[in-house]
Structures are given as C-alpha cells and as structure tokens.
PDB file of all heavy atoms in Angstrom:
ATOM      1  N   GLY A   1      63.626  43.968-177.319  1.00  0.00           N
ATOM      2  CA  GLY A   1      62.571  44.043-176.328  1.00  0.00           C
ATOM      3  C   GLY A   1      61.920  45.412-176.290  1.00  0.00           C
ATOM      4  O   GLY A   1      60.691  45.534-176.219  1.00  0.00           O
ATOM      5  N   VAL A   2      62.736  46.467-176.358  1.00  0.00           N
ATOM      6  CA  VAL A   2      62.196  47.827-176.360  1.00  0.00           C
ATOM      7  C   VAL A   2      61.319  48.050-177.595  1.00  0.00           C
ATOM      8  O   VAL A   2      60.234  48.640-177.500  1.00  0.00           O
ATOM      9  CB  VAL A   2      63.347  48.858-176.309  1.00  0.00           C
ATOM     10  CG1 VAL A   2      62.814  50.276-176.528  1.00  0.00           C
ATOM     11  CG2 VAL A   2      64.076  48.778-174.970  1.00  0.00           C
ATOM     12  N   ALA A   3      61.783  47.584-178.752  1.00  0.00           N
ATOM     13  CA  ALA A   3      61.018  47.772-179.990  1.00  0.00           C
ATOM     14  C   ALA A   3      59.682  47.036-179.937  1.00  0.00           C
ATOM     15  O   ALA A   3      58.633  47.585-180.292  1.00  0.00           O
ATOM     16  CB  ALA A   3      61.842  47.303-181.181  1.00  0.00           C
ATOM     17  N   LEU A   4      59.696  45.784-179.485  1.00  0.00           N
ATOM     18  CA  LEU A   4      58.447  45.017-179.412  1.00  0.00           C
ATOM     19  C   LEU A   4      57.514  45.564-178.334  1.00  0.00           C
ATOM     20  O   LEU A   4      56.297  45.564-178.505  1.00  0.00           O
ATOM     21  CB  LEU A   4      58.759  43.543-179.139  1.00  0.00           C
ATOM     22  CG  LEU A   4      59.270  42.750-180.339  1.00  0.00           C
ATOM     23  CD1 LEU A   4      59.751  41.374-179.908  1.00  0.00           C
ATOM     24  CD2 LEU A   4      58.196  42.620-181.411  1.00  0.00           C
ATOM     25  N   ASP A   5      58.082  46.039-177.235  1.00  0.00           N
ATOM     26  CA  ASP A   5      57.243  46.622-176.183  1.00  0.00           C
ATOM     27  C   ASP A   5      56.459  47.816-176.708  1.00  0.00           C
ATOM     28  O   ASP A   5      55.285  48.008-176.359  1.00  0.00           O
ATOM     29  CB  ASP A   5      58.118  47.064-175.001  1.00  0.00           C
ATOM     30  CG  ASP A   5      58.628  45.893-174.178  1.00  0.00           C
ATOM     31  OD1 ASP A   5      58.102  44.785-174.345  1.00  0.00           O
ATOM     32  OD2 ASP A   5      59.570  46.097-173.379  1.00  0.00           O
ATOM     33  N   ALA A   6      57.093  48.638-177.539  1.00  0.00           N
ATOM     34  CA  ALA A   6      56.386  49.789-178.111  1.00  0.00           C
ATOM     35  C   ALA A   6      55.246  49.326-179.010  1.00  0.00           C
ATOM     36  O   ALA A   6      54.147  49.894-178.982  1.00  0.00           O
ATOM     37  CB  ALA A   6      57.357  50.668-178.889  1.00  0.00           C
ATOM     38  N   HIS A   7      55.489  48.296-179.801  1.00  0.00           N
ATOM     39  CA  HIS A   7      54.437  47.773-180.678  1.00  0.00           C
ATOM     40  C   HIS A   7      53.233  47.309-179.866  1.00  0.00           C
ATOM     41  O   HIS A   7      52.085  47.631-180.198  1.00  0.00           O
ATOM     42  CB  HIS A   7      54.981  46.619-181.508  1.00  0.00           C
ATOM     43  CG  HIS A   7      53.923  45.877-182.270  1.00  0.00           C
ATOM     44  ND1 HIS A   7      53.257  46.411-183.356  1.00  0.00           N
ATOM     45  CD2 HIS A   7      53.395  44.631-182.084  1.00  0.00           C
ATOM     46  CE1 HIS A   7      52.370  45.542-183.815  1.00  0.00           C
ATOM     47  NE2 HIS A   7      52.434  44.453-183.055  1.00  0.00           N
ATOM     48  N   PHE A   8      53.502  46.573-178.789  1.00  0.00           N
ATOM     49  CA  PHE A   8      52.396  46.007-178.028  1.00  0.00           C
ATOM     50  C   PHE A   8      51.769  47.003-177.054  1.00  0.00           C
ATOM     51  O   PHE A   8      50.564  46.976-176.841  1.00  0.00           O
ATOM     52  CB  PHE A   8      52.857  44.743-177.286  1.00  0.00           C
ATOM     53  CG  PHE A   8      52.959  43.542-178.170  1.00  0.00           C
ATOM     54  CD1 PHE A   8      54.162  43.175-178.751  1.00  0.00           C
ATOM     55  CD2 PHE A   8      51.835  42.788-178.464  1.00  0.00           C
ATOM     56  CE1 PHE A   8      54.250  42.080-179.591  1.00  0.00           C
ATOM     57  CE2 PHE A   8      51.907  41.690-179.294  1.00  0.00           C
ATOM     58  CZ  PHE A   8      53.117  41.332-179.862  1.00  0.00           C
ATOM     59  N   SER A   9      52.574  47.858-176.450  1.00  0.00           N
ATOM     60  CA  SER A   9      52.000  48.781-175.471  1.00  0.00           C
ATOM     61  C   SER A   9      51.317  49.972-176.127  1.00  0.00           C
ATOM     62  O   SER A   9      50.385  50.548-175.549  1.00  0.00           O
ATOM     63  CB  SER A   9      53.088  49.272-174.507  1.00  0.00           C
ATOM     64  OG  SER A   9      54.054  50.064-175.192  1.00  0.00           O
ATOM     65  N   LEU A  10      51.746  50.338-177.355  1.00  0.00           N
ATOM     66  CA  LEU A  10      51.162  51.493-178.034  1.00  0.00           C
ATOM     67  C   LEU A  10      50.332  51.095-179.253  1.00  0.00           C
ATOM     68  O   LEU A  10      49.109  51.307-179.283  1.00  0.00           O
ATOM     69  CB  LEU A  10      52.267  52.464-178.464  1.00  0.00           C
ATOM     70  CG  LEU A  10      52.867  53.331-177.358  1.00  0.00           C
ATOM     71  CD1 LEU A  10      53.995  54.173-177.918  1.00  0.00           C
ATOM     72  CD2 LEU A  10      51.808  54.227-176.751  1.00  0.00           C
ATOM     73  N   GLU A  11      50.982  50.529-180.266  1.00  0.00           N
ATOM     74  CA  GLU A  11      50.279  50.272-181.533  1.00  0.00           C
ATOM     75  C   GLU A  11      49.061  49.374-181.362  1.00  0.00           C
ATOM     76  O   GLU A  11      47.938  49.732-181.755  1.00  0.00           O
ATOM     77  CB  GLU A  11      51.238  49.644-182.545  1.00  0.00           C
ATOM     78  CG  GLU A  11      52.093  50.626-183.296  1.00  0.00           C
ATOM     79  CD  GLU A  11      52.786  49.949-184.455  1.00  0.00           C
ATOM     80  OE1 GLU A  11      52.168  49.848-185.533  1.00  0.00           O
ATOM     81  OE2 GLU A  11      53.940  49.523-184.291  1.00  0.00           O
ATOM     82  N   GLN A  12      49.294  48.197-180.804  1.00  0.00           N
ATOM     83  CA  GLN A  12      48.181  47.256-180.699  1.00  0.00           C
ATOM     84  C   GLN A  12      47.083  47.815-179.790  1.00  0.00           C
ATOM     85  O   GLN A  12      45.898  47.684-180.090  1.00  0.00           O
ATOM     86  CB  GLN A  12      48.688  45.902-180.165  1.00  0.00           C
ATOM     87  CG  GLN A  12      49.607  45.156-181.130  1.00  0.00           C
ATOM     88  CD  GLN A  12      48.858  44.669-182.361  1.00  0.00           C
ATOM     89  OE1 GLN A  12      48.440  45.467-183.191  1.00  0.00           O
ATOM     90  NE2 GLN A  12      48.703  43.357-182.491  1.00  0.00           N
ATOM     91  N   TRP A  13      47.479  48.439-178.692  1.00  0.00           N
ATOM     92  CA  TRP A  13      46.509  48.989-177.751  1.00  0.00           C
ATOM     93  C   TRP A  13      45.685  50.090-178.411  1.00  0.00           C
ATOM     94  O   TRP A  13      44.455  50.106-178.302  1.00  0.00           O
ATOM     95  CB  TRP A  13      47.245  49.524-176.519  1.00  0.00           C
ATOM     96  CG  TRP A  13      46.342  49.853-175.386  1.00  0.00           C
ATOM     97  CD1 TRP A  13      46.022  49.053-174.322  1.00  0.00           C
ATOM     98  CD2 TRP A  13      45.614  51.071-175.196  1.00  0.00           C
ATOM     99  NE1 TRP A  13      45.143  49.700-173.493  1.00  0.00           N
ATOM    100  CE2 TRP A  13      44.870  50.948-174.005  1.00  0.00           C
ATOM    101  CE3 TRP A  13      45.505  52.256-175.923  1.00  0.00           C
ATOM    102  CZ2 TRP A  13      44.045  51.952-173.514  1.00  0.00           C
ATOM    103  CZ3 TRP A  13      44.681  53.267-175.444  1.00  0.00           C
ATOM    104  CH2 TRP A  13      43.964  53.107-174.245  1.00  0.00           C
ATOM    105  N   VAL A  14      46.357  51.041-179.082  1.00  0.00           N
ATOM    106  CA  VAL A  14      45.657  52.168-179.696  1.00  0.00           C
ATOM    107  C   VAL A  14      44.722  51.690-180.794  1.00  0.00           C
ATOM    108  O   VAL A  14      43.559  52.116-180.878  1.00  0.00           O
ATOM    109  CB  VAL A  14      46.662  53.208-180.235  1.00  0.00           C
ATOM    110  CG1 VAL A  14      45.971  54.214-181.154  1.00  0.00           C
ATOM    111  CG2 VAL A  14      47.345  53.933-179.082  1.00  0.00           C
ATOM    112  N   ARG A  15      45.190  50.811-181.659  1.00  0.00           N
ATOM    113  CA  ARG A  15      44.341  50.353-182.754  1.00  0.00           C
ATOM    114  C   ARG A  15      43.120  49.609-182.238  1.00  0.00           C
ATOM    115  O   ARG A  15      42.009  49.784-182.742  1.00  0.00           O
ATOM    116  CB  ARG A  15      45.150  49.486-183.718  1.00  0.00           C
ATOM    117  CG  ARG A  15      46.178  50.294-184.516  1.00  0.00           C
ATOM    118  CD  ARG A  15      46.763  49.497-185.662  1.00  0.00           C
ATOM    119  NE  ARG A  15      47.686  50.325-186.407  1.00  0.00           N
ATOM    120  CZ  ARG A  15      48.998  50.104-186.502  1.00  0.00           C
ATOM    121  NH1 ARG A  15      49.547  49.066-185.901  1.00  0.00           N
ATOM    122  NH2 ARG A  15      49.773  50.920-187.189  1.00  0.00           N
ATOM    123  N   CYS A  16      43.316  48.766-181.241  1.00  0.00           N
ATOM    124  CA  CYS A  16      42.188  48.026-180.686  1.00  0.00           C
ATOM    125  C   CYS A  16      41.203  48.972-180.008  1.00  0.00           C
ATOM    126  O   CYS A  16      39.981  48.883-180.222  1.00  0.00           O
ATOM    127  CB  CYS A  16      42.691  46.986-179.691  1.00  0.00           C
ATOM    128  SG  CYS A  16      41.370  46.049-178.878  1.00  0.00           S
ATOM    129  N   THR A  17      41.720  49.902-179.222  1.00  0.00           N
ATOM    130  CA  THR A  17      40.860  50.788-178.443  1.00  0.00           C
ATOM    131  C   THR A  17      40.067  51.742-179.317  1.00  0.00           C
ATOM    132  O   THR A  17      38.915  52.076-179.007  1.00  0.00           O
ATOM    133  CB  THR A  17      41.711  51.597-177.439  1.00  0.00           C
ATOM    134  OG1 THR A  17      42.453  50.685-176.624  1.00  0.00           O
ATOM    135  CG2 THR A  17      40.839  52.454-176.544  1.00  0.00           C
ATOM    136  N   THR A  18      40.662  52.191-180.418  1.00  0.00           N
ATOM    137  CA  THR A  18      39.997  53.173-181.272  1.00  0.00           C
ATOM    138  C   THR A  18      39.182  52.545-182.395  1.00  0.00           C
ATOM    139  O   THR A  18      38.632  53.255-183.246  1.00  0.00           O
ATOM    140  CB  THR A  18      41.030  54.135-181.880  1.00  0.00           C
ATOM    141  OG1 THR A  18      41.989  53.385-182.647  1.00  0.00           O
ATOM    142  CG2 THR A  18      41.760  54.909-180.789  1.00  0.00           C
ATOM    143  N   GLY A  19      39.117  51.222-182.426  1.00  0.00           N
ATOM    144  CA  GLY A  19      38.308  50.553-183.439  1.00  0.00           C
ATOM    145  C   GLY A  19      38.971  50.428-184.794  1.00  0.00           C
ATOM    146  O   GLY A  19      38.311  50.099-185.787  1.00  0.00           O
ATOM    147  N   ALA A  20      40.282  50.671-184.853  1.00  0.00           N
ATOM    148  CA  ALA A  20      41.013  50.508-186.114  1.00  0.00           C
ATOM    149  C   ALA A  20      41.275  49.031-186.377  1.00  0.00           C
ATOM    150  O   ALA A  20      41.104  48.176-185.494  1.00  0.00           O
ATOM    151  CB  ALA A  20      42.330  51.282-186.054  1.00  0.00           C
ATOM    152  N   LEU A  21      41.671  48.716-187.597  1.00  0.00           N
ATOM    153  CA  LEU A  21      42.041  47.345-187.923  1.00  0.00           C
ATOM    154  C   LEU A  21      43.416  47.057-187.339  1.00  0.00           C
ATOM    155  O   LEU A  21      44.343  47.840-187.495  1.00  0.00           O
ATOM    156  CB  LEU A  21      42.067  47.143-189.440  1.00  0.00           C
ATOM    157  CG  LEU A  21      40.784  47.501-190.206  1.00  0.00           C
ATOM    158  CD1 LEU A  21      40.935  47.125-191.679  1.00  0.00           C
ATOM    159  CD2 LEU A  21      39.563  46.848-189.607  1.00  0.00           C
ATOM    160  N   PHE A  22      43.533  45.930-186.639  1.00  0.00           N
ATOM    161  CA  PHE A  22      44.860  45.531-186.159  1.00  0.00           C
ATOM    162  C   PHE A  22      45.011  44.044-186.388  1.00  0.00           C
ATOM    163  O   PHE A  22      44.204  43.440-187.089  1.00  0.00           O
ATOM    164  CB  PHE A  22      45.085  45.973-184.704  1.00  0.00           C
ATOM    165  CG  PHE A  22      44.411  45.117-183.663  1.00  0.00           C
ATOM    166  CD1 PHE A  22      45.157  44.253-182.879  1.00  0.00           C
ATOM    167  CD2 PHE A  22      43.036  45.202-183.444  1.00  0.00           C
ATOM    168  CE1 PHE A  22      44.555  43.484-181.893  1.00  0.00           C
ATOM    169  CE2 PHE A  22      42.421  44.441-182.466  1.00  0.00           C
ATOM    170  CZ  PHE A  22      43.189  43.573-181.687  1.00  0.00           C
ATOM    171  N   ASN A  23      46.041  43.450-185.825  1.00  0.00           N
ATOM    172  CA  ASN A  23      46.362  42.092-186.274  1.00  0.00           C
ATOM    173  C   ASN A  23      46.755  41.146-185.163  1.00  0.00           C
ATOM    174  O   ASN A  23      47.275  41.543-184.120  1.00  0.00           O
ATOM    175  CB  ASN A  23      47.502  42.125-187.300  1.00  0.00           C
ATOM    176  CG  ASN A  23      48.806  42.612-186.712  1.00  0.00           C
ATOM    177  OD1 ASN A  23      48.920  43.790-186.364  1.00  0.00           O
ATOM    178  ND2 ASN A  23      49.793  41.732-186.596  1.00  0.00           N
ATOM    179  N   PHE A  24      46.482  39.881-185.411  1.00  0.00           N
ATOM    180  CA  PHE A  24      47.057  38.774-184.664  1.00  0.00           C
ATOM    181  C   PHE A  24      48.547  38.748-184.967  1.00  0.00           C
ATOM    182  O   PHE A  24      48.964  38.940-186.103  1.00  0.00           O
ATOM    183  CB  PHE A  24      46.384  37.478-185.113  1.00  0.00           C
ATOM    184  CG  PHE A  24      46.982  36.212-184.569  1.00  0.00           C
ATOM    185  CD1 PHE A  24      47.198  36.051-183.211  1.00  0.00           C
ATOM    186  CD2 PHE A  24      47.301  35.164-185.433  1.00  0.00           C
ATOM    187  CE1 PHE A  24      47.735  34.866-182.710  1.00  0.00           C
ATOM    188  CE2 PHE A  24      47.824  33.981-184.946  1.00  0.00           C
ATOM    189  CZ  PHE A  24      48.049  33.833-183.588  1.00  0.00           C
ATOM    190  N   ASN A  25      49.364  38.501-183.938  1.00  0.00           N
ATOM    191  CA  ASN A  25      50.815  38.541-184.113  1.00  0.00           C
ATOM    192  C   ASN A  25      51.436  37.178-184.376  1.00  0.00           C
ATOM    193  O   ASN A  25      52.645  37.009-184.247  1.00  0.00           O
ATOM    194  CB  ASN A  25      51.481  39.182-182.897  1.00  0.00           C
ATOM    195  CG  ASN A  25      51.178  40.666-182.798  1.00  0.00           C
ATOM    196  OD1 ASN A  25      50.318  41.076-182.043  1.00  0.00           O
ATOM    197  ND2 ASN A  25      51.873  41.477-183.579  1.00  0.00           N
ATOM    198  N   GLY A  26      50.618  36.201-184.744  1.00  0.00           N
ATOM    199  CA  GLY A  26      51.142  34.899-185.140  1.00  0.00           C
ATOM    200  C   GLY A  26      51.281  33.910-184.012  1.00  0.00           C
ATOM    201  O   GLY A  26      51.453  32.711-184.248  1.00  0.00           O
ATOM    202  N   THR A  27      51.227  34.390-182.773  1.00  0.00           N
ATOM    203  CA  THR A  27      51.368  33.531-181.602  1.00  0.00           C
ATOM    204  C   THR A  27      50.790  34.251-180.399  1.00  0.00           C
ATOM    205  O   THR A  27      50.546  35.463-180.436  1.00  0.00           O
ATOM    206  CB  THR A  27      52.844  33.163-181.355  1.00  0.00           C
ATOM    207  OG1 THR A  27      52.944  32.336-180.177  1.00  0.00           O
ATOM    208  CG2 THR A  27      53.701  34.399-181.150  1.00  0.00           C
ATOM    209  N   ALA A  28      50.550  33.501-179.338  1.00  0.00           N
ATOM    210  CA  ALA A  28      50.003  34.065-178.097  1.00  0.00           C
ATOM    211  C   ALA A  28      48.633  34.698-178.341  1.00  0.00           C
ATOM    212  O   ALA A  28      48.378  35.825-177.940  1.00  0.00           O
ATOM    213  CB  ALA A  28      50.964  35.063-177.466  1.00  0.00           C
ATOM    214  N   GLY A  29      47.777  33.951-179.018  1.00  0.00           N
ATOM    215  CA  GLY A  29      46.436  34.438-179.285  1.00  0.00           C
ATOM    216  C   GLY A  29      45.455  33.289-179.432  1.00  0.00           C
ATOM    217  O   GLY A  29      45.857  32.128-179.607  1.00  0.00           O
ATOM    218  N   VAL A  30      44.181  33.606-179.340  1.00  0.00           N
ATOM    219  CA  VAL A  30      43.122  32.601-179.462  1.00  0.00           C
ATOM    220  C   VAL A  30      42.159  33.056-180.552  1.00  0.00           C
ATOM    221  O   VAL A  30      41.722  34.212-180.571  1.00  0.00           O
ATOM    222  CB  VAL A  30      42.359  32.425-178.131  1.00  0.00           C
ATOM    223  CG1 VAL A  30      41.325  31.306-178.268  1.00  0.00           C
ATOM    224  CG2 VAL A  30      43.321  32.128-176.980  1.00  0.00           C
ATOM    225  N   TRP A  31      41.819  32.135-181.456  1.00  0.00           N
ATOM    226  CA  TRP A  31      40.896  32.413-182.561  1.00  0.00           C
ATOM    227  C   TRP A  31      39.599  31.623-182.395  1.00  0.00           C
ATOM    228  O   TRP A  31      39.602  30.504-181.880  1.00  0.00           O
ATOM    229  CB  TRP A  31      41.520  32.001-183.893  1.00  0.00           C
ATOM    230  CG  TRP A  31      42.416  33.026-184.519  1.00  0.00           C
ATOM    231  CD1 TRP A  31      43.756  33.168-184.315  1.00  0.00           C
ATOM    232  CD2 TRP A  31      42.025  34.036-185.448  1.00  0.00           C
ATOM    233  NE1 TRP A  31      44.237  34.214-185.064  1.00  0.00           N
ATOM    234  CE2 TRP A  31      43.200  34.766-185.772  1.00  0.00           C
ATOM    235  CE3 TRP A  31      40.821  34.397-186.046  1.00  0.00           C
ATOM    236  CZ2 TRP A  31      43.184  35.831-186.668  1.00  0.00           C
ATOM    237  CZ3 TRP A  31      40.800  35.469-186.936  1.00  0.00           C
ATOM    238  CH2 TRP A  31      41.972  36.174-187.234  1.00  0.00           C
ATOM    239  N   ARG A  32      38.518  32.212-182.866  1.00  0.00           N
ATOM    240  CA  ARG A  32      37.268  31.479-183.037  1.00  0.00           C
ATOM    241  C   ARG A  32      37.382  30.699-184.349  1.00  0.00           C
ATOM    242  O   ARG A  32      37.625  31.287-185.414  1.00  0.00           O
ATOM    243  CB  ARG A  32      36.091  32.448-183.091  1.00  0.00           C
ATOM    244  CG  ARG A  32      34.716  31.764-183.077  1.00  0.00           C
ATOM    245  CD  ARG A  32      33.601  32.772-183.309  1.00  0.00           C
ATOM    246  NE  ARG A  32      33.546  33.779-182.261  1.00  0.00           N
ATOM    247  CZ  ARG A  32      32.830  33.679-181.143  1.00  0.00           C
ATOM    248  NH1 ARG A  32      32.108  32.597-180.936  1.00  0.00           N
ATOM    249  NH2 ARG A  32      32.825  34.663-180.251  1.00  0.00           N
ATOM    250  N   LYS A  33      37.217  29.390-184.288  1.00  0.00           N
ATOM    251  CA  LYS A  33      37.403  28.554-185.466  1.00  0.00           C
ATOM    252  C   LYS A  33      36.483  28.978-186.601  1.00  0.00           C
ATOM    253  O   LYS A  33      36.882  29.026-187.774  1.00  0.00           O
ATOM    254  CB  LYS A  33      37.168  27.086-185.108  1.00  0.00           C
ATOM    255  CG  LYS A  33      37.435  26.116-186.251  1.00  0.00           C
ATOM    256  CD  LYS A  33      37.232  24.668-185.796  1.00  0.00           C
ATOM    257  CE  LYS A  33      37.475  23.691-186.925  1.00  0.00           C
ATOM    258  NZ  LYS A  33      37.254  22.277-186.496  1.00  0.00           N
ATOM    259  N   ALA A  34      35.245  29.324-186.284  1.00  0.00           N
ATOM    260  CA  ALA A  34      34.284  29.719-187.317  1.00  0.00           C
ATOM    261  C   ALA A  34      34.743  30.979-188.047  1.00  0.00           C
ATOM    262  O   ALA A  34      34.478  31.141-189.247  1.00  0.00           O
ATOM    263  CB  ALA A  34      32.911  29.954-186.685  1.00  0.00           C
ATOM    264  N   ALA A  35      35.437  31.879-187.340  1.00  0.00           N
ATOM    265  CA  ALA A  35      35.921  33.109-187.972  1.00  0.00           C
ATOM    266  C   ALA A  35      37.045  32.806-188.956  1.00  0.00           C
ATOM    267  O   ALA A  35      37.136  33.416-190.030  1.00  0.00           O
ATOM    268  CB  ALA A  35      36.393  34.097-186.912  1.00  0.00           C
ATOM    269  N   ILE A  36      37.917  31.876-188.589  1.00  0.00           N
ATOM    270  CA  ILE A  36      39.000  31.485-189.500  1.00  0.00           C
ATOM    271  C   ILE A  36      38.410  30.940-190.800  1.00  0.00           C
ATOM    272  O   ILE A  36      38.833  31.300-191.902  1.00  0.00           O
ATOM    273  CB  ILE A  36      39.915  30.434-188.839  1.00  0.00           C
ATOM    274  CG1 ILE A  36      40.621  31.025-187.609  1.00  0.00           C
ATOM    275  CG2 ILE A  36      40.944  29.913-189.845  1.00  0.00           C
ATOM    276  CD1 ILE A  36      41.472  30.010-186.850  1.00  0.00           C
ATOM    277  N   ILE A  37      37.426  30.065-190.665  1.00  0.00           N
ATOM    278  CA  ILE A  37      36.807  29.463-191.845  1.00  0.00           C
ATOM    279  C   ILE A  37      36.067  30.514-192.657  1.00  0.00           C
ATOM    280  O   ILE A  37      36.166  30.569-193.893  1.00  0.00           O
ATOM    281  CB  ILE A  37      35.861  28.327-191.412  1.00  0.00           C
ATOM    282  CG1 ILE A  37      36.662  27.197-190.752  1.00  0.00           C
ATOM    283  CG2 ILE A  37      35.077  27.797-192.609  1.00  0.00           C
ATOM    284  CD1 ILE A  37      35.797  26.132-190.098  1.00  0.00           C
TER     285      ILE A  37
END
C-alpha cells in the first residue's frame, strides 16, 4: 500500500501536472473509444 500510494500520489500526479507522458494503470480508468482505435 505504501509503495502504490507513492506511485499514485507523486509519480502520476507530477507527470500529469507537468505535461509529461504518463500511463493508464490497467484499471480504474475511463478511455475515449476513438482514442483507443
């Protein structure tokens, strides 16, 4: 839990906020179908 919390509270937040490339984590997310295609 501590390890995953760091990933989500720091890595994902920082990358998204600063405009870096980041990733869908495989679950708990919503995609635009047209983007997938």
